[in-house]
Amino acid sequence: MPDFFTAPAVQAGFALLIVCILIVAAFYLVSIFRDYADEDRENTAEALANLQEMHLKGDINDQEFRTIKATTHRHPVGPNTSDDSTATDDSSPDT
């Protein structure tokens, strides 16, 4: 029986098994941290409300407000929610 574990094929099999276990553990840990990151994101409506509040306080100017708002609409941060505010189409280039 001791000769069984010294065979190169058996050692390679154990090494492969250990590598597979480590890969599965790594994927599990990444999925746990990814879930936390998804929960920390605020939805688009909350992000837009925070952006408008910053704009009203004067923390950001009109151009920054329009740029960030356009980027938010192109790449939603959270669940898809409709925005009922009056928005202009700022995607056309100024000529």
PDB file of N, CA and C in Angstrom:
ATOM      1  N   MET A   1       0.800  -1.198   0.000  1.00  0.00           N
ATOM      2  CA  MET A   1       0.000   0.000   0.000  1.00  0.00           C
ATOM      3  C   MET A   1       0.851   1.274   0.000  1.00  0.00           C
ATOM      4  N   PRO A   2       1.977   1.327   0.730  1.00  0.00           N
ATOM      5  CA  PRO A   2       2.803   2.535   0.698  1.00  0.00           C
ATOM      6  C   PRO A   2       3.333   2.840  -0.710  1.00  0.00           C
ATOM      7  N   ASP A   3       3.510   1.833  -1.564  1.00  0.00           N
ATOM      8  CA  ASP A   3       3.997   2.056  -2.926  1.00  0.00           C
ATOM      9  C   ASP A   3       2.948   2.762  -3.781  1.00  0.00           C
ATOM     10  N   PHE A   4       1.695   2.656  -3.395  1.00  0.00           N
ATOM     11  CA  PHE A   4       0.601   3.273  -4.153  1.00  0.00           C
ATOM     12  C   PHE A   4       0.748   4.800  -4.163  1.00  0.00           C
ATOM     13  N   PHE A   5       1.088   5.409  -3.031  1.00  0.00           N
ATOM     14  CA  PHE A   5       1.183   6.864  -2.932  1.00  0.00           C
ATOM     15  C   PHE A   5       2.481   7.425  -3.509  1.00  0.00           C
ATOM     16  N   THR A   6       3.432   6.577  -3.785  1.00  0.00           N
ATOM     17  CA  THR A   6       4.693   7.046  -4.353  1.00  0.00           C
ATOM     18  C   THR A   6       4.684   7.008  -5.880  1.00  0.00           C
ATOM     19  N   ALA A   7       3.652   6.450  -6.465  1.00  0.00           N
ATOM     20  CA  ALA A   7       3.569   6.396  -7.926  1.00  0.00           C
ATOM     21  C   ALA A   7       3.339   7.806  -8.475  1.00  0.00           C
ATOM     22  N   PRO A   8       4.046   8.182  -9.523  1.00  0.00           N
ATOM     23  CA  PRO A   8       3.920   9.529 -10.084  1.00  0.00           C
ATOM     24  C   PRO A   8       2.496   9.863 -10.536  1.00  0.00           C
ATOM     25  N   ALA A   9       1.779   8.899 -11.084  1.00  0.00           N
ATOM     26  CA  ALA A   9       0.415   9.143 -11.554  1.00  0.00           C
ATOM     27  C   ALA A   9      -0.505   9.477 -10.380  1.00  0.00           C
ATOM     28  N   VAL A  10      -0.334   8.805  -9.262  1.00  0.00           N
ATOM     29  CA  VAL A  10      -1.164   9.063  -8.079  1.00  0.00           C
ATOM     30  C   VAL A  10      -0.811  10.430  -7.496  1.00  0.00           C
ATOM     31  N   GLN A  11       0.456  10.767  -7.445  1.00  0.00           N
ATOM     32  CA  GLN A  11       0.868  12.071  -6.941  1.00  0.00           C
ATOM     33  C   GLN A  11       0.331  13.196  -7.838  1.00  0.00           C
ATOM     34  N   ALA A  12       0.372  12.987  -9.140  1.00  0.00           N
ATOM     35  CA  ALA A  12      -0.171  13.982 -10.073  1.00  0.00           C
ATOM     36  C   ALA A  12      -1.679  14.125  -9.871  1.00  0.00           C
ATOM     37  N   GLY A  13      -2.350  13.010  -9.632  1.00  0.00           N
ATOM     38  CA  GLY A  13      -3.795  13.048  -9.378  1.00  0.00           C
ATOM     39  C   GLY A  13      -4.123  13.826  -8.113  1.00  0.00           C
ATOM     40  N   PHE A  14      -3.359  13.601  -7.049  1.00  0.00           N
ATOM     41  CA  PHE A  14      -3.565  14.350  -5.801  1.00  0.00           C
ATOM     42  C   PHE A  14      -3.267  15.842  -5.996  1.00  0.00           C
ATOM     43  N   ALA A  15      -2.234  16.152  -6.756  1.00  0.00           N
ATOM     44  CA  ALA A  15      -1.902  17.554  -7.027  1.00  0.00           C
ATOM     45  C   ALA A  15      -3.032  18.227  -7.803  1.00  0.00           C
ATOM     46  N   LEU A  16      -3.582  17.524  -8.777  1.00  0.00           N
ATOM     47  CA  LEU A  16      -4.706  18.061  -9.551  1.00  0.00           C
ATOM     48  C   LEU A  16      -5.927  18.254  -8.669  1.00  0.00           C
ATOM     49  N   LEU A  17      -6.182  17.322  -7.772  1.00  0.00           N
ATOM     50  CA  LEU A  17      -7.308  17.430  -6.843  1.00  0.00           C
ATOM     51  C   LEU A  17      -7.142  18.641  -5.932  1.00  0.00           C
ATOM     52  N   ILE A  18      -5.946  18.862  -5.442  1.00  0.00           N
ATOM     53  CA  ILE A  18      -5.684  20.002  -4.563  1.00  0.00           C
ATOM     54  C   ILE A  18      -5.869  21.319  -5.325  1.00  0.00           C
ATOM     55  N   VAL A  19      -5.382  21.377  -6.563  1.00  0.00           N
ATOM     56  CA  VAL A  19      -5.551  22.582  -7.375  1.00  0.00           C
ATOM     57  C   VAL A  19      -7.029  22.855  -7.622  1.00  0.00           C
ATOM     58  N   CYS A  20      -7.811  21.835  -7.918  1.00  0.00           N
ATOM     59  CA  CYS A  20      -9.251  21.999  -8.146  1.00  0.00           C
ATOM     60  C   CYS A  20      -9.950  22.516  -6.889  1.00  0.00           C
ATOM     61  N   ILE A  21      -9.588  21.981  -5.742  1.00  0.00           N
ATOM     62  CA  ILE A  21     -10.184  22.436  -4.477  1.00  0.00           C
ATOM     63  C   ILE A  21      -9.842  23.900  -4.225  1.00  0.00           C
ATOM     64  N   LEU A  22      -8.606  24.296  -4.486  1.00  0.00           N
ATOM     65  CA  LEU A  22      -8.214  25.692  -4.310  1.00  0.00           C
ATOM     66  C   LEU A  22      -8.960  26.620  -5.268  1.00  0.00           C
ATOM     67  N   ILE A  23      -9.173  26.189  -6.492  1.00  0.00           N
ATOM     68  CA  ILE A  23      -9.917  27.000  -7.463  1.00  0.00           C
ATOM     69  C   ILE A  23     -11.354  27.180  -7.019  1.00  0.00           C
ATOM     70  N   VAL A  24     -11.987  26.105  -6.563  1.00  0.00           N
ATOM     71  CA  VAL A  24     -13.375  26.194  -6.087  1.00  0.00           C
ATOM     72  C   VAL A  24     -13.458  27.125  -4.875  1.00  0.00           C
ATOM     73  N   ALA A  25     -12.510  27.024  -3.960  1.00  0.00           N
ATOM     74  CA  ALA A  25     -12.498  27.899  -2.785  1.00  0.00           C
ATOM     75  C   ALA A  25     -12.319  29.356  -3.201  1.00  0.00           C
ATOM     76  N   ALA A  26     -11.475  29.619  -4.181  1.00  0.00           N
ATOM     77  CA  ALA A  26     -11.265  30.982  -4.653  1.00  0.00           C
ATOM     78  C   ALA A  26     -12.536  31.549  -5.278  1.00  0.00           C
ATOM     79  N   PHE A  27     -13.215  30.772  -6.102  1.00  0.00           N
ATOM     80  CA  PHE A  27     -14.469  31.226  -6.701  1.00  0.00           C
ATOM     81  C   PHE A  27     -15.519  31.492  -5.623  1.00  0.00           C
ATOM     82  N   TYR A  28     -15.562  30.666  -4.611  1.00  0.00           N
ATOM     83  CA  TYR A  28     -16.518  30.865  -3.520  1.00  0.00           C
ATOM     84  C   TYR A  28     -16.245  32.181  -2.795  1.00  0.00           C
ATOM     85  N   LEU A  29     -14.981  32.435  -2.473  1.00  0.00           N
ATOM     86  CA  LEU A  29     -14.637  33.677  -1.782  1.00  0.00           C
ATOM     87  C   LEU A  29     -14.933  34.904  -2.640  1.00  0.00           C
ATOM     88  N   VAL A  30     -14.631  34.831  -3.923  1.00  0.00           N
ATOM     89  CA  VAL A  30     -14.924  35.956  -4.816  1.00  0.00           C
ATOM     90  C   VAL A  30     -16.420  36.199  -4.890  1.00  0.00           C
ATOM     91  N   SER A  31     -17.209  35.145  -4.948  1.00  0.00           N
ATOM     92  CA  SER A  31     -18.666  35.326  -5.031  1.00  0.00           C
ATOM     93  C   SER A  31     -19.219  35.959  -3.760  1.00  0.00           C
ATOM     94  N   ILE A  32     -18.635  35.657  -2.619  1.00  0.00           N
ATOM     95  CA  ILE A  32     -19.089  36.264  -1.359  1.00  0.00           C
ATOM     96  C   ILE A  32     -18.812  37.762  -1.386  1.00  0.00           C
ATOM     97  N   PHE A  33     -17.601  38.161  -1.777  1.00  0.00           N
ATOM     98  CA  PHE A  33     -17.252  39.572  -1.801  1.00  0.00           C
ATOM     99  C   PHE A  33     -18.001  40.312  -2.904  1.00  0.00           C
ATOM    100  N   ARG A  34     -18.271  39.665  -4.007  1.00  0.00           N
ATOM    101  CA  ARG A  34     -19.004  40.298  -5.094  1.00  0.00           C
ATOM    102  C   ARG A  34     -20.440  40.576  -4.659  1.00  0.00           C
ATOM    103  N   ASP A  35     -21.038  39.689  -3.877  1.00  0.00           N
ATOM    104  CA  ASP A  35     -22.389  39.917  -3.382  1.00  0.00           C
ATOM    105  C   ASP A  35     -22.431  41.154  -2.502  1.00  0.00           C
ATOM    106  N   TYR A  36     -21.416  41.335  -1.650  1.00  0.00           N
ATOM    107  CA  TYR A  36     -21.375  42.514  -0.799  1.00  0.00           C
ATOM    108  C   TYR A  36     -21.260  43.780  -1.638  1.00  0.00           C
ATOM    109  N   ALA A  37     -20.467  43.737  -2.679  1.00  0.00           N
ATOM    110  CA  ALA A  37     -20.291  44.912  -3.527  1.00  0.00           C
ATOM    111  C   ALA A  37     -21.594  45.258  -4.245  1.00  0.00           C
ATOM    112  N   ASP A  38     -22.349  44.260  -4.691  1.00  0.00           N
ATOM    113  CA  ASP A  38     -23.620  44.520  -5.365  1.00  0.00           C
ATOM    114  C   ASP A  38     -24.628  45.144  -4.417  1.00  0.00           C
ATOM    115  N   GLU A  39     -24.623  44.736  -3.153  1.00  0.00           N
ATOM    116  CA  GLU A  39     -25.566  45.280  -2.187  1.00  0.00           C
ATOM    117  C   GLU A  39     -25.232  46.722  -1.832  1.00  0.00           C
ATOM    118  N   ASP A  40     -23.965  47.117  -1.963  1.00  0.00           N
ATOM    119  CA  ASP A  40     -23.546  48.466  -1.602  1.00  0.00           C
ATOM    120  C   ASP A  40     -23.914  49.500  -2.656  1.00  0.00           C
ATOM    121  N   ARG A  41     -24.235  49.059  -3.836  1.00  0.00           N
ATOM    122  CA  ARG A  41     -24.572  49.998  -4.902  1.00  0.00           C
ATOM    123  C   ARG A  41     -25.948  50.587  -4.657  1.00  0.00           C
ATOM    124  N   GLU A  42     -26.062  51.879  -4.944  1.00  0.00           N
ATOM    125  CA  GLU A  42     -27.371  52.505  -4.831  1.00  0.00           C
ATOM    126  C   GLU A  42     -28.016  52.512  -6.211  1.00  0.00           C
ATOM    127  N   ASN A  43     -29.346  52.537  -6.238  1.00  0.00           N
ATOM    128  CA  ASN A  43     -30.011  52.492  -7.528  1.00  0.00           C
ATOM    129  C   ASN A  43     -29.923  53.844  -8.222  1.00  0.00           C
ATOM    130  N   THR A  44     -30.338  53.888  -9.457  1.00  0.00           N
ATOM    131  CA  THR A  44     -30.187  55.080 -10.273  1.00  0.00           C
ATOM    132  C   THR A  44     -30.964  56.258  -9.705  1.00  0.00           C
ATOM    133  N   ALA A  45     -32.154  56.016  -9.178  1.00  0.00           N
ATOM    134  CA  ALA A  45     -32.971  57.103  -8.628  1.00  0.00           C
ATOM    135  C   ALA A  45     -32.270  57.751  -7.432  1.00  0.00           C
ATOM    136  N   GLU A  46     -31.694  56.946  -6.547  1.00  0.00           N
ATOM    137  CA  GLU A  46     -30.977  57.490  -5.391  1.00  0.00           C
ATOM    138  C   GLU A  46     -29.732  58.255  -5.833  1.00  0.00           C
ATOM    139  N   ALA A  47     -29.027  57.727  -6.816  1.00  0.00           N
ATOM    140  CA  ALA A  47     -27.828  58.388  -7.313  1.00  0.00           C
ATOM    141  C   ALA A  47     -28.186  59.734  -7.934  1.00  0.00           C
ATOM    142  N   LEU A  48     -29.277  59.773  -8.690  1.00  0.00           N
ATOM    143  CA  LEU A  48     -29.695  61.028  -9.307  1.00  0.00           C
ATOM    144  C   LEU A  48     -30.145  62.031  -8.251  1.00  0.00           C
ATOM    145  N   ALA A  49     -30.839  61.562  -7.214  1.00  0.00           N
ATOM    146  CA  ALA A  49     -31.264  62.457  -6.129  1.00  0.00           C
ATOM    147  C   ALA A  49     -30.043  63.042  -5.422  1.00  0.00           C
ATOM    148  N   ASN A  50     -29.041  62.223  -5.154  1.00  0.00           N
ATOM    149  CA  ASN A  50     -27.806  62.721  -4.521  1.00  0.00           C
ATOM    150  C   ASN A  50     -27.088  63.713  -5.432  1.00  0.00           C
ATOM    151  N   LEU A  51     -27.084  63.427  -6.719  1.00  0.00           N
ATOM    152  CA  LEU A  51     -26.447  64.318  -7.679  1.00  0.00           C
ATOM    153  C   LEU A  51     -27.161  65.669  -7.717  1.00  0.00           C
ATOM    154  N   GLN A  52     -28.496  65.656  -7.725  1.00  0.00           N
ATOM    155  CA  GLN A  52     -29.257  66.904  -7.735  1.00  0.00           C
ATOM    156  C   GLN A  52     -29.031  67.695  -6.447  1.00  0.00           C
ATOM    157  N   GLU A  53     -28.935  66.998  -5.336  1.00  0.00           N
ATOM    158  CA  GLU A  53     -28.677  67.677  -4.068  1.00  0.00           C
ATOM    159  C   GLU A  53     -27.305  68.355  -4.089  1.00  0.00           C
ATOM    160  N   MET A  54     -26.302  67.659  -4.617  1.00  0.00           N
ATOM    161  CA  MET A  54     -24.968  68.249  -4.725  1.00  0.00           C
ATOM    162  C   MET A  54     -24.994  69.476  -5.634  1.00  0.00           C
ATOM    163  N   HIS A  55     -25.768  69.394  -6.705  1.00  0.00           N
ATOM    164  CA  HIS A  55     -25.870  70.508  -7.638  1.00  0.00           C
ATOM    165  C   HIS A  55     -26.545  71.703  -6.981  1.00  0.00           C
ATOM    166  N   LEU A  56     -27.603  71.464  -6.216  1.00  0.00           N
ATOM    167  CA  LEU A  56     -28.306  72.555  -5.543  1.00  0.00           C
ATOM    168  C   LEU A  56     -27.438  73.218  -4.470  1.00  0.00           C
ATOM    169  N   LYS A  57     -26.601  72.423  -3.804  1.00  0.00           N
ATOM    170  CA  LYS A  57     -25.696  72.976  -2.782  1.00  0.00           C
ATOM    171  C   LYS A  57     -24.553  73.762  -3.406  1.00  0.00           C
ATOM    172  N   GLY A  58     -24.302  73.549  -4.674  1.00  0.00           N
ATOM    173  CA  GLY A  58     -23.201  74.232  -5.332  1.00  0.00           C
ATOM    174  C   GLY A  58     -21.909  73.436  -5.308  1.00  0.00           C
ATOM    175  N   ASP A  59     -21.976  72.165  -4.886  1.00  0.00           N
ATOM    176  CA  ASP A  59     -20.772  71.334  -4.862  1.00  0.00           C
ATOM    177  C   ASP A  59     -20.263  71.033  -6.272  1.00  0.00           C
ATOM    178  N   ILE A  60     -21.187  70.966  -7.233  1.00  0.00           N
ATOM    179  CA  ILE A  60     -20.810  70.729  -8.623  1.00  0.00           C
ATOM    180  C   ILE A  60     -21.490  71.780  -9.492  1.00  0.00           C
ATOM    181  N   ASN A  61     -20.863  72.118 -10.608  1.00  0.00           N
ATOM    182  CA  ASN A  61     -21.445  73.131 -11.486  1.00  0.00           C
ATOM    183  C   ASN A  61     -22.389  72.489 -12.497  1.00  0.00           C
ATOM    184  N   ASP A  62     -22.996  73.327 -13.342  1.00  0.00           N
ATOM    185  CA  ASP A  62     -23.989  72.827 -14.308  1.00  0.00           C
ATOM    186  C   ASP A  62     -23.393  71.827 -15.281  1.00  0.00           C
ATOM    187  N   GLN A  63     -22.198  72.104 -15.769  1.00  0.00           N
ATOM    188  CA  GLN A  63     -21.580  71.199 -16.739  1.00  0.00           C
ATOM    189  C   GLN A  63     -21.264  69.850 -16.104  1.00  0.00           C
ATOM    190  N   GLU A  64     -20.736  69.847 -14.888  1.00  0.00           N
ATOM    191  CA  GLU A  64     -20.460  68.584 -14.191  1.00  0.00           C
ATOM    192  C   GLU A  64     -21.754  67.819 -13.956  1.00  0.00           C
ATOM    193  N   PHE A  65     -22.807  68.529 -13.585  1.00  0.00           N
ATOM    194  CA  PHE A  65     -24.105  67.897 -13.352  1.00  0.00           C
ATOM    195  C   PHE A  65     -24.595  67.206 -14.614  1.00  0.00           C
ATOM    196  N   ARG A  66     -24.538  67.916 -15.749  1.00  0.00           N
ATOM    197  CA  ARG A  66     -25.008  67.330 -17.012  1.00  0.00           C
ATOM    198  C   ARG A  66     -24.148  66.146 -17.427  1.00  0.00           C
ATOM    199  N   THR A  67     -22.831  66.261 -17.248  1.00  0.00           N
ATOM    200  CA  THR A  67     -21.929  65.175 -17.636  1.00  0.00           C
ATOM    201  C   THR A  67     -22.185  63.921 -16.805  1.00  0.00           C
ATOM    202  N   ILE A  68     -22.280  64.079 -15.498  1.00  0.00           N
ATOM    203  CA  ILE A  68     -22.501  62.931 -14.620  1.00  0.00           C
ATOM    204  C   ILE A  68     -23.876  62.335 -14.873  1.00  0.00           C
ATOM    205  N   LYS A  69     -24.871  63.174 -15.077  1.00  0.00           N
ATOM    206  CA  LYS A  69     -26.227  62.681 -15.333  1.00  0.00           C
ATOM    207  C   LYS A  69     -26.273  61.894 -16.637  1.00  0.00           C
ATOM    208  N   ALA A  70     -25.612  62.385 -17.672  1.00  0.00           N
ATOM    209  CA  ALA A  70     -25.583  61.671 -18.946  1.00  0.00           C
ATOM    210  C   ALA A  70     -24.869  60.336 -18.802  1.00  0.00           C
ATOM    211  N   THR A  71     -23.773  60.315 -18.051  1.00  0.00           N
ATOM    212  CA  THR A  71     -23.045  59.068 -17.822  1.00  0.00           C
ATOM    213  C   THR A  71     -23.889  58.079 -17.031  1.00  0.00           C
ATOM    214  N   THR A  72     -24.625  58.570 -16.048  1.00  0.00           N
ATOM    215  CA  THR A  72     -25.488  57.706 -15.241  1.00  0.00           C
ATOM    216  C   THR A  72     -26.590  57.095 -16.090  1.00  0.00           C
ATOM    217  N   HIS A  73     -27.123  57.869 -17.005  1.00  0.00           N
ATOM    218  CA  HIS A  73     -28.187  57.337 -17.863  1.00  0.00           C
ATOM    219  C   HIS A  73     -27.658  56.320 -18.853  1.00  0.00           C
ATOM    220  N   ARG A  74     -26.410  56.475 -19.280  1.00  0.00           N
ATOM    221  CA  ARG A  74     -25.830  55.500 -20.201  1.00  0.00           C
ATOM    222  C   ARG A  74     -25.443  54.214 -19.498  1.00  0.00           C
ATOM    223  N   HIS A  75     -24.970  54.322 -18.254  1.00  0.00           N
ATOM    224  CA  HIS A  75     -24.495  53.166 -17.486  1.00  0.00           C
ATOM    225  C   HIS A  75     -25.224  53.143 -16.151  1.00  0.00           C
ATOM    226  N   PRO A  76     -26.414  52.547 -16.097  1.00  0.00           N
ATOM    227  CA  PRO A  76     -27.169  52.539 -14.833  1.00  0.00           C
ATOM    228  C   PRO A  76     -26.375  51.886 -13.714  1.00  0.00           C
ATOM    229  N   VAL A  77     -26.506  52.444 -12.509  1.00  0.00           N
ATOM    230  CA  VAL A  77     -25.766  51.963 -11.354  1.00  0.00           C
ATOM    231  C   VAL A  77     -26.500  50.827 -10.675  1.00  0.00           C
ATOM    232  N   GLY A  78     -27.800  50.870 -10.665  1.00  0.00           N
ATOM    233  CA  GLY A  78     -28.580  49.867  -9.947  1.00  0.00           C
ATOM    234  C   GLY A  78     -29.731  49.377 -10.791  1.00  0.00           C
ATOM    235  N   PRO A  79     -30.830  48.986 -10.129  1.00  0.00           N
ATOM    236  CA  PRO A  79     -31.993  48.505 -10.856  1.00  0.00           C
ATOM    237  C   PRO A  79     -32.514  49.590 -11.796  1.00  0.00           C
ATOM    238  N   ASN A  80     -33.038  49.171 -12.918  1.00  0.00           N
ATOM    239  CA  ASN A  80     -33.531  50.106 -13.915  1.00  0.00           C
ATOM    240  C   ASN A  80     -34.793  50.787 -13.408  1.00  0.00           C
ATOM    241  N   THR A  81     -34.699  52.079 -13.168  1.00  0.00           N
ATOM    242  CA  THR A  81     -35.849  52.845 -12.712  1.00  0.00           C
ATOM    243  C   THR A  81     -36.061  53.987 -13.673  1.00  0.00           C
ATOM    244  N   SER A  82     -37.316  54.415 -13.813  1.00  0.00           N
ATOM    245  CA  SER A  82     -37.606  55.499 -14.733  1.00  0.00           C
ATOM    246  C   SER A  82     -37.402  56.826 -14.031  1.00  0.00           C
ATOM    247  N   ASP A  83     -36.931  57.795 -14.786  1.00  0.00           N
ATOM    248  CA  ASP A  83     -36.688  59.125 -14.253  1.00  0.00           C
ATOM    249  C   ASP A  83     -37.749  60.051 -14.817  1.00  0.00           C
ATOM    250  N   ASP A  84     -38.615  60.604 -13.970  1.00  0.00           N
ATOM    251  CA  ASP A  84     -39.700  61.435 -14.423  1.00  0.00           C
ATOM    252  C   ASP A  84     -39.320  62.904 -14.499  1.00  0.00           C
ATOM    253  N   SER A  85     -38.092  63.242 -14.164  1.00  0.00           N
ATOM    254  CA  SER A  85     -37.685  64.639 -14.203  1.00  0.00           C
ATOM    255  C   SER A  85     -37.529  65.078 -15.648  1.00  0.00           C
ATOM    256  N   THR A  86     -37.616  66.366 -15.857  1.00  0.00           N
ATOM    257  CA  THR A  86     -37.460  66.886 -17.216  1.00  0.00           C
ATOM    258  C   THR A  86     -35.990  66.887 -17.561  1.00  0.00           C
ATOM    259  N   ALA A  87     -35.637  66.111 -18.543  1.00  0.00           N
ATOM    260  CA  ALA A  87     -34.240  65.984 -18.943  1.00  0.00           C
ATOM    261  C   ALA A  87     -34.112  66.397 -20.398  1.00  0.00           C
ATOM    262  N   THR A  88     -33.002  67.053 -20.694  1.00  0.00           N
ATOM    263  CA  THR A  88     -32.725  67.424 -22.077  1.00  0.00           C
ATOM    264  C   THR A  88     -31.718  66.465 -22.646  1.00  0.00           C
ATOM    265  N   ASP A  89     -31.708  66.351 -23.940  1.00  0.00           N
ATOM    266  CA  ASP A  89     -30.788  65.452 -24.607  1.00  0.00           C
ATOM    267  C   ASP A  89     -29.468  66.173 -24.800  1.00  0.00           C
ATOM    268  N   ASP A  90     -28.492  65.887 -23.938  1.00  0.00           N
ATOM    269  CA  ASP A  90     -27.189  66.527 -24.008  1.00  0.00           C
ATOM    270  C   ASP A  90     -26.177  65.690 -24.766  1.00  0.00           C
ATOM    271  N   SER A  91     -26.649  64.632 -25.429  1.00  0.00           N
ATOM    272  CA  SER A  91     -25.697  63.745 -26.098  1.00  0.00           C
ATOM    273  C   SER A  91     -25.232  64.301 -27.432  1.00  0.00           C
ATOM    274  N   SER A  92     -25.909  65.325 -27.990  1.00  0.00           N
ATOM    275  CA  SER A  92     -25.483  65.873 -29.271  1.00  0.00           C
ATOM    276  C   SER A  92     -24.305  66.824 -29.054  1.00  0.00           C
ATOM    277  N   PRO A  93     -23.352  66.821 -29.951  1.00  0.00           N
ATOM    278  CA  PRO A  93     -22.189  67.695 -29.790  1.00  0.00           C
ATOM    279  C   PRO A  93     -22.567  69.155 -30.020  1.00  0.00           C
ATOM    280  N   ASP A  94     -21.903  70.041 -29.308  1.00  0.00           N
ATOM    281  CA  ASP A  94     -22.137  71.462 -29.479  1.00  0.00           C
ATOM    282  C   ASP A  94     -21.422  71.941 -30.726  1.00  0.00           C
ATOM    283  N   THR A  95     -22.187  72.568 -31.633  1.00  0.00           N
ATOM    284  CA  THR A  95     -21.563  73.080 -32.855  1.00  0.00           C
ATOM    285  C   THR A  95     -21.902  74.523 -33.046  1.00  0.00           C
TER     286      THR A  95
END
